[in-house]
Amino acid sequence: MGSPGLKGEKGEPGGGYYDPRYGGSGVGASGVPGPPLHLIAMNSPQTGSMKGIRGADFLCFSQAQAVGMKGTFRAFLSARLQDLYSIVHKTDRDHLPIVNLKDEVLFDSWDAIFSGGRMKDSVTIYSFDGKDVLSDSTWPEKMVWHGSNSAGQHHIDNFCETWRVGDPVVTGMASSLQSGSLLQQSSSSCSSSYVVLCIENSYTGQSRR
């Protein structure tokens, strides 16, 4: 694990990955120990057909790698065997800030997203290639897929059949980004093309894949 993008193996507080573009102190925003976790959109909208969670995760991984980011990114989605809330390791959920591509704080912590929190005023979400999702015409509909209930657990049947189906009669749970909430409960046709977010997750003290 000799990557310059890996911190935490020599006792730095927080551990986990960091993007060297944002400095190598190992300290997150607002002086919080450990690196912040980035929340970044895929470069284009997606229907509910993403070749499953693995396919969505791979899109996150490959687009992060393409811009030189060293962290491990997972799709911001629940599915039949995955709850969105559990994607970030439990030791990192309550104190690491969630930031955008430009390192601006979106949420004070992962937990804040699931306790009715809204994005900070005047802060936006960017795609890996630097587009402002809320203003760029690449995303005509400012909706984000998540497939979850408001607590971040998989919705009983609204996740586009585990993100493999783009059929208009099948539904997935989504949220309006313009609301500032990522977990608004809006059942949408899986043929819709919406924003898909990717969250950088950190497994402190454990090996990374």
Protein backbone atom coordinates (compact mmCIF):
# COMPACT_ATOMS: atom_id res chain seq x y z
CA MET A 1 0.00 0.00 0.00
CA GLY A 2 2.61 2.48 -1.04
CA SER A 3 0.23 4.92 -2.67
CA PRO A 4 0.83 8.57 -1.78
CA GLY A 5 -2.94 8.86 -1.45
CA LEU A 6 -3.10 6.59 1.62
CA LYS A 7 -2.91 7.97 5.14
CA GLY A 8 -3.44 6.30 8.47
CA GLU A 9 -0.91 3.45 8.41
CA LYS A 10 1.59 5.39 10.50
CA GLY A 11 -0.75 6.68 13.17
CA GLU A 12 -2.19 9.81 11.59
CA PRO A 13 -5.55 10.66 13.19
CA GLY A 14 -8.55 9.34 11.34
CA GLY A 15 -6.72 7.20 8.80
CA GLY A 16 -8.36 6.54 5.46
CA TYR A 17 -7.70 7.92 1.99
CA TYR A 18 -7.15 11.52 1.08
CA ASP A 19 -6.84 13.25 -2.25
CA PRO A 20 -3.36 14.82 -2.51
CA ARG A 21 -4.85 17.79 -4.39
CA TYR A 22 -6.25 18.94 -1.05
CA GLY A 23 -2.99 18.78 0.91
CA GLY A 24 -1.45 16.04 3.01
CA SER A 25 -2.15 17.08 6.58
CA GLY A 26 -4.62 14.26 7.22
CA VAL A 27 -6.91 16.79 8.91
CA GLY A 28 -10.41 17.35 7.65
CA ALA A 29 -12.45 20.53 7.30
CA SER A 30 -13.04 22.63 10.43
CA GLY A 31 -10.07 21.02 12.14
CA VAL A 32 -11.77 17.64 12.47
CA PRO A 33 -9.17 14.82 12.76
CA GLY A 34 -9.03 12.63 9.69
CA PRO A 35 -9.80 13.35 6.03
CA PRO A 36 -13.19 14.59 4.86
CA LEU A 37 -15.28 12.26 2.71
CA HIS A 38 -16.07 13.46 -0.80
CA LEU A 39 -19.56 13.27 -2.29
CA ILE A 40 -19.35 13.66 -6.06
CA ALA A 41 -21.77 13.03 -8.92
CA MET A 42 -21.19 10.75 -11.87
CA ASN A 43 -20.42 12.69 -15.03
CA SER A 44 -23.78 11.99 -16.67
CA PRO A 45 -27.34 11.09 -15.60
CA GLN A 46 -28.33 7.43 -15.33
CA THR A 47 -31.55 5.48 -15.67
CA GLY A 48 -32.30 2.71 -13.20
CA SER A 49 -30.37 0.30 -15.44
CA MET A 50 -26.78 0.46 -14.11
CA LYS A 51 -25.80 -3.23 -14.24
CA GLY A 52 -26.58 -3.55 -10.55
CA ILE A 53 -24.79 -2.10 -7.55
CA ARG A 54 -21.47 -3.47 -8.79
CA GLY A 55 -21.95 -1.67 -12.09
CA ALA A 56 -22.78 1.59 -10.33
CA ASP A 57 -19.83 1.20 -7.96
CA PHE A 58 -17.55 0.58 -10.92
CA LEU A 59 -18.69 3.80 -12.60
CA CYS A 60 -17.85 5.69 -9.39
CA PHE A 61 -14.47 3.99 -9.13
CA SER A 62 -13.47 4.52 -12.77
CA GLN A 63 -14.54 8.18 -12.89
CA ALA A 64 -12.68 8.92 -9.64
CA GLN A 65 -9.56 7.22 -10.99
CA ALA A 66 -9.81 9.20 -14.23
CA VAL A 67 -9.38 12.49 -12.35
CA GLY A 68 -6.62 11.14 -10.10
CA MET A 69 -8.60 10.73 -6.88
CA LYS A 70 -7.14 8.07 -4.61
CA GLY A 71 -10.08 7.28 -2.36
CA THR A 72 -12.49 4.36 -2.66
CA PHE A 73 -15.85 5.53 -4.00
CA ARG A 74 -19.18 3.71 -3.80
CA ALA A 75 -22.51 4.56 -5.40
CA PHE A 76 -24.89 6.48 -3.10
CA LEU A 77 -27.56 3.79 -3.47
CA SER A 78 -29.48 1.23 -1.46
CA ALA A 79 -30.32 -2.16 -2.94
CA ARG A 80 -31.81 -5.45 -1.84
CA LEU A 81 -28.70 -6.49 0.07
CA GLN A 82 -27.26 -3.03 0.80
CA ASP A 83 -28.42 -0.18 3.00
CA LEU A 84 -27.13 3.22 1.94
CA TYR A 85 -26.41 4.23 5.54
CA SER A 86 -23.97 1.34 6.01
CA ILE A 87 -21.70 2.26 3.08
CA VAL A 88 -19.55 4.50 5.28
CA HIS A 89 -17.84 2.66 8.13
CA LYS A 90 -19.53 3.19 11.49
CA THR A 91 -16.42 4.76 13.05
CA ASP A 92 -16.47 7.50 10.41
CA ARG A 93 -20.16 8.40 10.35
CA ASP A 94 -20.45 11.01 13.09
CA HIS A 95 -17.34 13.19 12.81
CA LEU A 96 -15.94 13.34 9.26
CA PRO A 97 -17.38 16.18 7.16
CA ILE A 98 -18.91 15.39 3.77
CA VAL A 99 -17.42 17.69 1.13
CA ASN A 100 -17.80 18.33 -2.60
CA LEU A 101 -15.15 18.15 -5.33
CA LYS A 102 -13.82 21.57 -4.29
CA ASP A 103 -13.55 20.51 -0.63
CA GLU A 104 -16.49 22.71 0.42
CA VAL A 105 -18.55 21.23 3.26
CA LEU A 106 -21.94 19.90 2.14
CA PHE A 107 -22.88 18.18 5.42
CA ASP A 108 -21.18 18.21 8.82
CA SER A 109 -21.12 14.40 8.86
CA TRP A 110 -22.52 11.29 7.21
CA ASP A 111 -24.99 10.94 10.08
CA ALA A 112 -26.33 14.45 9.35
CA ILE A 113 -27.63 13.29 5.96
CA PHE A 114 -29.87 10.73 7.68
CA SER A 115 -31.17 12.94 10.47
CA GLY A 116 -33.05 15.43 8.31
CA GLY A 117 -29.97 17.46 7.43
CA ARG A 118 -29.85 19.68 4.38
CA MET A 119 -26.92 20.76 2.29
CA LYS A 120 -25.15 23.92 3.40
CA ASP A 121 -26.42 27.10 1.77
CA SER A 122 -24.54 28.29 -1.32
CA VAL A 123 -22.65 24.98 -1.64
CA THR A 124 -23.28 22.74 -4.64
CA ILE A 125 -22.51 19.23 -5.80
CA TYR A 126 -20.06 18.79 -8.66
CA SER A 127 -19.46 15.88 -11.01
CA PHE A 128 -16.05 14.25 -11.29
CA ASP A 129 -15.39 16.32 -14.42
CA GLY A 130 -16.20 19.56 -12.59
CA LYS A 131 -19.75 20.37 -13.71
CA ASP A 132 -22.17 22.03 -11.27
CA VAL A 133 -24.98 19.48 -11.17
CA LEU A 134 -27.62 21.99 -10.05
CA SER A 135 -26.99 24.39 -12.92
CA ASP A 136 -25.54 22.31 -15.75
CA SER A 137 -27.90 21.23 -18.54
CA THR A 138 -26.36 17.74 -18.57
CA TRP A 139 -28.94 16.96 -15.88
CA PRO A 140 -32.31 18.40 -17.06
CA GLU A 141 -34.01 16.87 -14.02
CA LYS A 142 -32.36 17.76 -10.72
CA MET A 143 -33.28 14.48 -9.08
CA VAL A 144 -30.92 11.98 -7.45
CA TRP A 145 -31.46 8.23 -7.23
CA HIS A 146 -31.04 6.61 -3.80
CA GLY A 147 -33.47 3.68 -3.41
CA SER A 148 -33.72 4.27 0.33
CA ASN A 149 -36.17 5.18 3.05
CA SER A 150 -35.51 8.34 5.05
CA ALA A 151 -33.23 6.43 7.46
CA GLY A 152 -30.94 5.22 4.66
CA GLN A 153 -32.24 1.64 4.64
CA HIS A 154 -33.20 0.01 1.36
CA HIS A 155 -36.77 0.74 0.38
CA ILE A 156 -38.87 -2.40 0.28
CA ASP A 157 -39.35 -2.34 -3.50
CA ASN A 158 -38.24 1.02 -4.93
CA PHE A 159 -34.71 0.42 -6.19
CA CYS A 160 -35.22 -0.42 -9.89
CA GLU A 161 -34.86 -4.16 -9.20
CA THR A 162 -31.41 -3.67 -7.66
CA TRP A 163 -30.49 -1.06 -10.30
CA ARG A 164 -30.70 -3.43 -13.23
CA VAL A 165 -33.94 -2.22 -14.82
CA GLY A 166 -34.76 0.93 -16.80
CA ASP A 167 -38.37 -0.06 -17.49
CA PRO A 168 -40.89 2.80 -17.19
CA VAL A 169 -43.33 0.66 -15.17
CA VAL A 170 -40.73 -0.16 -12.48
CA THR A 171 -39.95 2.46 -9.84
CA GLY A 172 -37.03 3.65 -7.75
CA MET A 173 -36.82 6.08 -4.86
CA ALA A 174 -35.30 9.48 -5.64
CA SER A 175 -34.94 12.95 -4.15
CA SER A 176 -34.94 16.49 -5.50
CA LEU A 177 -31.49 18.01 -5.15
CA GLN A 178 -33.10 21.43 -5.15
CA SER A 179 -34.70 20.56 -1.81
CA GLY A 180 -31.26 20.31 -0.21
CA SER A 181 -32.17 16.88 1.14
CA LEU A 182 -30.69 13.72 -0.37
CA LEU A 183 -33.35 11.38 1.02
CA GLN A 184 -36.62 12.97 -0.02
CA GLN A 185 -39.14 10.21 -0.77
CA SER A 186 -40.18 10.45 -4.42
CA SER A 187 -41.08 7.25 -6.28
CA SER A 188 -39.94 7.65 -9.89
CA SER A 189 -40.02 5.64 -13.09
CA CYS A 190 -36.79 3.71 -13.62
CA SER A 191 -36.66 5.00 -17.20
CA SER A 192 -35.94 8.49 -15.82
CA SER A 193 -32.38 9.82 -16.17
CA TYR A 194 -31.26 11.20 -12.83
CA VAL A 195 -28.14 12.20 -10.92
CA VAL A 196 -26.19 9.38 -9.29
CA LEU A 197 -23.86 10.34 -6.47
CA CYS A 198 -20.67 8.63 -5.33
CA ILE A 199 -19.49 8.69 -1.72
CA GLU A 200 -15.87 8.23 -0.69
CA ASN A 201 -15.78 5.70 2.14
CA SER A 202 -13.05 5.21 4.70
CA TYR A 203 -12.29 1.98 6.55
CA THR A 204 -9.99 3.13 9.32
CA GLY A 205 -7.28 0.66 10.24
CA GLN A 206 -8.40 -1.86 7.63
CA SER A 207 -7.01 -2.74 4.25
CA ARG A 208 -8.59 -1.08 1.22
CA ARG A 209 -9.56 -2.78 -1.96
